[in-house]
Amino acid sequence: MFNIIKLSSMEKIKQIEIAKKAKVSKSFISRILNPNDPAKPSWDTAKRLSLASKIPPNVWADKDIPILLKYFRP
């Protein structure tokens, strides 16, 4: 079975803010948060995402979805 992750409006706003600060597309962040999508950021992109979100770059680079979702779902 596929796990579909539905984000609320506030969570989507966080995604958009991070995408703008890190200079990546919102769809790329959505792909990172999707467990069925193999997309992973490069180390440089993970560092930019880290600066924009205060989530450690290794969490972004390793695509650690449970930890990432804790940020989007407080």
PDB file of N, CA and C in Angstrom:
ATOM      1  N   MET A   1       0.844  -1.184   0.000  1.00  0.00           N
ATOM      2  CA  MET A   1       0.000   0.000   0.000  1.00  0.00           C
ATOM      3  C   MET A   1       0.887   1.244   0.000  1.00  0.00           C
ATOM      4  N   PHE A   2       0.383   2.259  -0.642  1.00  0.00           N
ATOM      5  CA  PHE A   2       1.097   3.524  -0.689  1.00  0.00           C
ATOM      6  C   PHE A   2       0.637   4.410   0.453  1.00  0.00           C
ATOM      7  N   ASN A   3       1.574   5.056   1.090  1.00  0.00           N
ATOM      8  CA  ASN A   3       1.247   6.024   2.138  1.00  0.00           C
ATOM      9  C   ASN A   3       1.166   7.399   1.499  1.00  0.00           C
ATOM     10  N   ILE A   4      -0.017   7.939   1.434  1.00  0.00           N
ATOM     11  CA  ILE A   4      -0.203   9.269   0.882  1.00  0.00           C
ATOM     12  C   ILE A   4      -0.171  10.254   2.040  1.00  0.00           C
ATOM     13  N   ILE A   5       0.692  11.245   1.936  1.00  0.00           N
ATOM     14  CA  ILE A   5       0.825  12.239   2.993  1.00  0.00           C
ATOM     15  C   ILE A   5       0.040  13.471   2.585  1.00  0.00           C
ATOM     16  N   LYS A   6      -0.975  13.787   3.357  1.00  0.00           N
ATOM     17  CA  LYS A   6      -1.786  14.977   3.107  1.00  0.00           C
ATOM     18  C   LYS A   6      -1.331  16.066   4.072  1.00  0.00           C
ATOM     19  N   LEU A   7      -1.020  17.221   3.533  1.00  0.00           N
ATOM     20  CA  LEU A   7      -0.594  18.336   4.367  1.00  0.00           C
ATOM     21  C   LEU A   7      -1.718  19.355   4.473  1.00  0.00           C
ATOM     22  N   SER A   8      -1.832  19.962   5.633  1.00  0.00           N
ATOM     23  CA  SER A   8      -2.832  21.013   5.829  1.00  0.00           C
ATOM     24  C   SER A   8      -2.364  22.296   5.140  1.00  0.00           C
ATOM     25  N   SER A   9      -3.216  23.291   5.135  1.00  0.00           N
ATOM     26  CA  SER A   9      -2.871  24.582   4.519  1.00  0.00           C
ATOM     27  C   SER A   9      -1.660  25.212   5.197  1.00  0.00           C
ATOM     28  N   MET A  10      -1.611  25.146   6.528  1.00  0.00           N
ATOM     29  CA  MET A  10      -0.475  25.726   7.250  1.00  0.00           C
ATOM     30  C   MET A  10       0.817  24.983   6.915  1.00  0.00           C
ATOM     31  N   GLU A  11       0.734  23.678   6.781  1.00  0.00           N
ATOM     32  CA  GLU A  11       1.917  22.890   6.446  1.00  0.00           C
ATOM     33  C   GLU A  11       2.397  23.217   5.032  1.00  0.00           C
ATOM     34  N   LYS A  12       1.455  23.460   4.131  1.00  0.00           N
ATOM     35  CA  LYS A  12       1.820  23.842   2.767  1.00  0.00           C
ATOM     36  C   LYS A  12       2.472  25.218   2.751  1.00  0.00           C
ATOM     37  N   ILE A  13       1.991  26.121   3.597  1.00  0.00           N
ATOM     38  CA  ILE A  13       2.596  27.452   3.691  1.00  0.00           C
ATOM     39  C   ILE A  13       4.040  27.334   4.172  1.00  0.00           C
ATOM     40  N   LYS A  14       4.299  26.455   5.147  1.00  0.00           N
ATOM     41  CA  LYS A  14       5.670  26.229   5.616  1.00  0.00           C
ATOM     42  C   LYS A  14       6.541  25.732   4.468  1.00  0.00           C
ATOM     43  N   GLN A  15       5.996  24.814   3.666  1.00  0.00           N
ATOM     44  CA  GLN A  15       6.738  24.289   2.521  1.00  0.00           C
ATOM     45  C   GLN A  15       7.113  25.410   1.561  1.00  0.00           C
ATOM     46  N   ILE A  16       6.165  26.280   1.275  1.00  0.00           N
ATOM     47  CA  ILE A  16       6.403  27.381   0.339  1.00  0.00           C
ATOM     48  C   ILE A  16       7.471  28.323   0.887  1.00  0.00           C
ATOM     49  N   GLU A  17       7.398  28.640   2.188  1.00  0.00           N
ATOM     50  CA  GLU A  17       8.386  29.531   2.802  1.00  0.00           C
ATOM     51  C   GLU A  17       9.787  28.929   2.741  1.00  0.00           C
ATOM     52  N   ILE A  18       9.900  27.653   3.059  1.00  0.00           N
ATOM     53  CA  ILE A  18      11.207  26.983   3.012  1.00  0.00           C
ATOM     54  C   ILE A  18      11.720  26.950   1.577  1.00  0.00           C
ATOM     55  N   ALA A  19      10.848  26.642   0.638  1.00  0.00           N
ATOM     56  CA  ALA A  19      11.248  26.578  -0.770  1.00  0.00           C
ATOM     57  C   ALA A  19      11.802  27.920  -1.243  1.00  0.00           C
ATOM     58  N   LYS A  20      11.137  29.006  -0.870  1.00  0.00           N
ATOM     59  CA  LYS A  20      11.604  30.341  -1.277  1.00  0.00           C
ATOM     60  C   LYS A  20      12.961  30.656  -0.662  1.00  0.00           C
ATOM     61  N   LYS A  21      13.112  30.383   0.642  1.00  0.00           N
ATOM     62  CA  LYS A  21      14.372  30.687   1.327  1.00  0.00           C
ATOM     63  C   LYS A  21      15.520  29.842   0.788  1.00  0.00           C
ATOM     64  N   ALA A  22      15.252  28.574   0.497  1.00  0.00           N
ATOM     65  CA  ALA A  22      16.301  27.659   0.041  1.00  0.00           C
ATOM     66  C   ALA A  22      16.504  27.707  -1.472  1.00  0.00           C
ATOM     67  N   LYS A  23      15.642  28.454  -2.166  1.00  0.00           N
ATOM     68  CA  LYS A  23      15.712  28.571  -3.627  1.00  0.00           C
ATOM     69  C   LYS A  23      15.571  27.217  -4.314  1.00  0.00           C
ATOM     70  N   VAL A  24      14.567  26.468  -3.864  1.00  0.00           N
ATOM     71  CA  VAL A  24      14.187  25.213  -4.524  1.00  0.00           C
ATOM     72  C   VAL A  24      12.685  25.294  -4.802  1.00  0.00           C
ATOM     73  N   SER A  25      12.191  24.379  -5.615  1.00  0.00           N
ATOM     74  CA  SER A  25      10.757  24.409  -5.914  1.00  0.00           C
ATOM     75  C   SER A  25       9.966  23.741  -4.789  1.00  0.00           C
ATOM     76  N   LYS A  26       8.742  24.201  -4.610  1.00  0.00           N
ATOM     77  CA  LYS A  26       7.861  23.603  -3.612  1.00  0.00           C
ATOM     78  C   LYS A  26       7.586  22.144  -3.975  1.00  0.00           C
ATOM     79  N   SER A  27       7.495  21.863  -5.263  1.00  0.00           N
ATOM     80  CA  SER A  27       7.228  20.484  -5.680  1.00  0.00           C
ATOM     81  C   SER A  27       8.387  19.560  -5.299  1.00  0.00           C
ATOM     82  N   PHE A  28       9.618  20.092  -5.291  1.00  0.00           N
ATOM     83  CA  PHE A  28      10.754  19.267  -4.879  1.00  0.00           C
ATOM     84  C   PHE A  28      10.647  18.904  -3.400  1.00  0.00           C
ATOM     85  N   ILE A  29      10.242  19.853  -2.569  1.00  0.00           N
ATOM     86  CA  ILE A  29      10.051  19.555  -1.143  1.00  0.00           C
ATOM     87  C   ILE A  29       8.936  18.527  -0.984  1.00  0.00           C
ATOM     88  N   SER A  30       7.874  18.655  -1.761  1.00  0.00           N
ATOM     89  CA  SER A  30       6.788  17.670  -1.711  1.00  0.00           C
ATOM     90  C   SER A  30       7.300  16.285  -2.081  1.00  0.00           C
ATOM     91  N   ARG A  31       8.177  16.234  -3.075  1.00  0.00           N
ATOM     92  CA  ARG A  31       8.743  14.943  -3.487  1.00  0.00           C
ATOM     93  C   ARG A  31       9.621  14.349  -2.383  1.00  0.00           C
ATOM     94  N   ILE A  32      10.360  15.202  -1.671  1.00  0.00           N
ATOM     95  CA  ILE A  32      11.198  14.709  -0.571  1.00  0.00           C
ATOM     96  C   ILE A  32      10.320  14.116   0.530  1.00  0.00           C
ATOM     97  N   LEU A  33       9.180  14.750   0.802  1.00  0.00           N
ATOM     98  CA  LEU A  33       8.290  14.283   1.868  1.00  0.00           C
ATOM     99  C   LEU A  33       7.457  13.069   1.469  1.00  0.00           C
ATOM    100  N   ASN A  34       7.479  12.712   0.201  1.00  0.00           N
ATOM    101  CA  ASN A  34       6.712  11.561  -0.277  1.00  0.00           C
ATOM    102  C   ASN A  34       7.568  10.301  -0.140  1.00  0.00           C
ATOM    103  N   PRO A  35       7.145   9.343   0.691  1.00  0.00           N
ATOM    104  CA  PRO A  35       7.959   8.138   0.891  1.00  0.00           C
ATOM    105  C   PRO A  35       8.053   7.260  -0.355  1.00  0.00           C
ATOM    106  N   ASN A  36       7.162   7.444  -1.317  1.00  0.00           N
ATOM    107  CA  ASN A  36       7.164   6.619  -2.527  1.00  0.00           C
ATOM    108  C   ASN A  36       7.971   7.240  -3.662  1.00  0.00           C
ATOM    109  N   ASP A  37       8.506   8.416  -3.447  1.00  0.00           N
ATOM    110  CA  ASP A  37       9.281   9.110  -4.472  1.00  0.00           C
ATOM    111  C   ASP A  37      10.760   8.999  -4.120  1.00  0.00           C
ATOM    112  N   PRO A  38      11.599   8.557  -5.045  1.00  0.00           N
ATOM    113  CA  PRO A  38      13.019   8.379  -4.723  1.00  0.00           C
ATOM    114  C   PRO A  38      13.826   9.678  -4.664  1.00  0.00           C
ATOM    115  N   ALA A  39      13.193  10.825  -4.879  1.00  0.00           N
ATOM    116  CA  ALA A  39      13.927  12.100  -4.898  1.00  0.00           C
ATOM    117  C   ALA A  39      14.606  12.370  -3.557  1.00  0.00           C
ATOM    118  N   LYS A  40      15.886  12.707  -3.638  1.00  0.00           N
ATOM    119  CA  LYS A  40      16.659  13.107  -2.460  1.00  0.00           C
ATOM    120  C   LYS A  40      17.461  14.343  -2.836  1.00  0.00           C
ATOM    121  N   PRO A  41      17.612  15.269  -1.905  1.00  0.00           N
ATOM    122  CA  PRO A  41      18.410  16.455  -2.235  1.00  0.00           C
ATOM    123  C   PRO A  41      19.907  16.146  -2.207  1.00  0.00           C
ATOM    124  N   SER A  42      20.655  16.901  -2.994  1.00  0.00           N
ATOM    125  CA  SER A  42      22.114  16.800  -2.914  1.00  0.00           C
ATOM    126  C   SER A  42      22.546  17.392  -1.571  1.00  0.00           C
ATOM    127  N   TRP A  43      23.811  17.204  -1.234  1.00  0.00           N
ATOM    128  CA  TRP A  43      24.295  17.728   0.045  1.00  0.00           C
ATOM    129  C   TRP A  43      24.205  19.254   0.063  1.00  0.00           C
ATOM    130  N   ASP A  44      24.524  19.912  -1.047  1.00  0.00           N
ATOM    131  CA  ASP A  44      24.434  21.379  -1.100  1.00  0.00           C
ATOM    132  C   ASP A  44      22.996  21.850  -0.924  1.00  0.00           C
ATOM    133  N   THR A  45      22.067  21.171  -1.566  1.00  0.00           N
ATOM    134  CA  THR A  45      20.652  21.525  -1.418  1.00  0.00           C
ATOM    135  C   THR A  45      20.188  21.245   0.002  1.00  0.00           C
ATOM    136  N   ALA A  46      20.648  20.145   0.585  1.00  0.00           N
ATOM    137  CA  ALA A  46      20.282  19.816   1.967  1.00  0.00           C
ATOM    138  C   ALA A  46      20.772  20.901   2.927  1.00  0.00           C
ATOM    139  N   LYS A  47      21.958  21.454   2.659  1.00  0.00           N
ATOM    140  CA  LYS A  47      22.468  22.537   3.506  1.00  0.00           C
ATOM    141  C   LYS A  47      21.609  23.793   3.363  1.00  0.00           C
ATOM    142  N   ARG A  48      21.186  24.111   2.139  1.00  0.00           N
ATOM    143  CA  ARG A  48      20.307  25.277   1.942  1.00  0.00           C
ATOM    144  C   ARG A  48      18.959  25.056   2.620  1.00  0.00           C
ATOM    145  N   LEU A  49      18.412  23.855   2.506  1.00  0.00           N
ATOM    146  CA  LEU A  49      17.143  23.538   3.169  1.00  0.00           C
ATOM    147  C   LEU A  49      17.298  23.621   4.683  1.00  0.00           C
ATOM    148  N   SER A  50      18.456  23.214   5.175  1.00  0.00           N
ATOM    149  CA  SER A  50      18.729  23.269   6.607  1.00  0.00           C
ATOM    150  C   SER A  50      18.742  24.711   7.114  1.00  0.00           C
ATOM    151  N   LEU A  51      19.381  25.586   6.377  1.00  0.00           N
ATOM    152  CA  LEU A  51      19.417  26.995   6.774  1.00  0.00           C
ATOM    153  C   LEU A  51      18.022  27.614   6.743  1.00  0.00           C
ATOM    154  N   ALA A  52      17.205  27.191   5.801  1.00  0.00           N
ATOM    155  CA  ALA A  52      15.857  27.745   5.664  1.00  0.00           C
ATOM    156  C   ALA A  52      14.894  27.205   6.713  1.00  0.00           C
ATOM    157  N   SER A  53      15.158  25.991   7.201  1.00  0.00           N
ATOM    158  CA  SER A  53      14.182  25.333   8.080  1.00  0.00           C
ATOM    159  C   SER A  53      14.682  25.024   9.481  1.00  0.00           C
ATOM    160  N   LYS A  54      15.978  25.124   9.713  1.00  0.00           N
ATOM    161  CA  LYS A  54      16.583  24.758  11.001  1.00  0.00           C
ATOM    162  C   LYS A  54      16.475  23.257  11.289  1.00  0.00           C
ATOM    163  N   ILE A  55      16.319  22.461  10.238  1.00  0.00           N
ATOM    164  CA  ILE A  55      16.366  20.999  10.339  1.00  0.00           C
ATOM    165  C   ILE A  55      17.770  20.608   9.880  1.00  0.00           C
ATOM    166  N   PRO A  56      18.485  19.755  10.610  1.00  0.00           N
ATOM    167  CA  PRO A  56      19.856  19.408  10.225  1.00  0.00           C
ATOM    168  C   PRO A  56      19.943  18.891   8.780  1.00  0.00           C
ATOM    169  N   PRO A  57      21.029  19.230   8.079  1.00  0.00           N
ATOM    170  CA  PRO A  57      21.144  18.829   6.674  1.00  0.00           C
ATOM    171  C   PRO A  57      21.151  17.320   6.468  1.00  0.00           C
ATOM    172  N   ASN A  58      21.673  16.569   7.441  1.00  0.00           N
ATOM    173  CA  ASN A  58      21.685  15.116   7.268  1.00  0.00           C
ATOM    174  C   ASN A  58      20.272  14.530   7.274  1.00  0.00           C
ATOM    175  N   VAL A  59      19.334  15.181   7.960  1.00  0.00           N
ATOM    176  CA  VAL A  59      17.939  14.714   7.956  1.00  0.00           C
ATOM    177  C   VAL A  59      17.350  14.907   6.562  1.00  0.00           C
ATOM    178  N   TRP A  60      17.627  16.069   5.954  1.00  0.00           N
ATOM    179  CA  TRP A  60      17.159  16.309   4.580  1.00  0.00           C
ATOM    180  C   TRP A  60      17.841  15.347   3.618  1.00  0.00           C
ATOM    181  N   ALA A  61      19.164  15.218   3.715  1.00  0.00           N
ATOM    182  CA  ALA A  61      19.919  14.393   2.769  1.00  0.00           C
ATOM    183  C   ALA A  61      19.542  12.917   2.863  1.00  0.00           C
ATOM    184  N   ASP A  62      19.267  12.443   4.082  1.00  0.00           N
ATOM    185  CA  ASP A  62      18.898  11.037   4.270  1.00  0.00           C
ATOM    186  C   ASP A  62      17.417  10.783   4.031  1.00  0.00           C
ATOM    187  N   LYS A  63      16.660  11.870   3.814  1.00  0.00           N
ATOM    188  CA  LYS A  63      15.216  11.779   3.583  1.00  0.00           C
ATOM    189  C   LYS A  63      14.545  11.060   4.751  1.00  0.00           C
ATOM    190  N   ASP A  64      14.848  11.528   5.962  1.00  0.00           N
ATOM    191  CA  ASP A  64      14.285  10.953   7.187  1.00  0.00           C
ATOM    192  C   ASP A  64      12.876  11.527   7.388  1.00  0.00           C
ATOM    193  N   ILE A  65      11.913  10.901   6.752  1.00  0.00           N
ATOM    194  CA  ILE A  65      10.552  11.436   6.679  1.00  0.00           C
ATOM    195  C   ILE A  65       9.897  11.623   8.046  1.00  0.00           C
ATOM    196  N   PRO A  66       9.985  10.690   8.989  1.00  0.00           N
ATOM    197  CA  PRO A  66       9.339  10.933  10.293  1.00  0.00           C
ATOM    198  C   PRO A  66       9.838  12.201  10.985  1.00  0.00           C
ATOM    199  N   ILE A  67      11.128  12.465  10.918  1.00  0.00           N
ATOM    200  CA  ILE A  67      11.667  13.675  11.549  1.00  0.00           C
ATOM    201  C   ILE A  67      11.239  14.911  10.766  1.00  0.00           C
ATOM    202  N   LEU A  68      11.255  14.836   9.443  1.00  0.00           N
ATOM    203  CA  LEU A  68      10.822  15.976   8.632  1.00  0.00           C
ATOM    204  C   LEU A  68       9.363  16.316   8.899  1.00  0.00           C
ATOM    205  N   LEU A  69       8.520  15.307   9.018  1.00  0.00           N
ATOM    206  CA  LEU A  69       7.099  15.568   9.250  1.00  0.00           C
ATOM    207  C   LEU A  69       6.849  16.171  10.628  1.00  0.00           C
ATOM    208  N   LYS A  70       7.715  15.881  11.602  1.00  0.00           N
ATOM    209  CA  LYS A  70       7.566  16.510  12.923  1.00  0.00           C
ATOM    210  C   LYS A  70       7.699  18.023  12.811  1.00  0.00           C
ATOM    211  N   TYR A  71       8.545  18.476  11.883  1.00  0.00           N
ATOM    212  CA  TYR A  71       8.690  19.917  11.688  1.00  0.00           C
ATOM    213  C   TYR A  71       7.423  20.505  11.056  1.00  0.00           C
ATOM    214  N   PHE A  72       6.870  19.816  10.083  1.00  0.00           N
ATOM    215  CA  PHE A  72       5.694  20.329   9.392  1.00  0.00           C
ATOM    216  C   PHE A  72       4.420  20.134  10.194  1.00  0.00           C
ATOM    217  N   ARG A  73       4.437  19.185  11.118  1.00  0.00           N
ATOM    218  CA  ARG A  73       3.254  18.916  11.948  1.00  0.00           C
ATOM    219  C   ARG A  73       3.623  19.015  13.416  1.00  0.00           C
ATOM    220  N   PRO A  74       3.626  20.234  13.954  1.00  0.00           N
ATOM    221  CA  PRO A  74       4.042  20.413  15.359  1.00  0.00           C
ATOM    222  C   PRO A  74       3.078  19.793  16.360  1.00  0.00           C
TER     223      PRO A  74
END
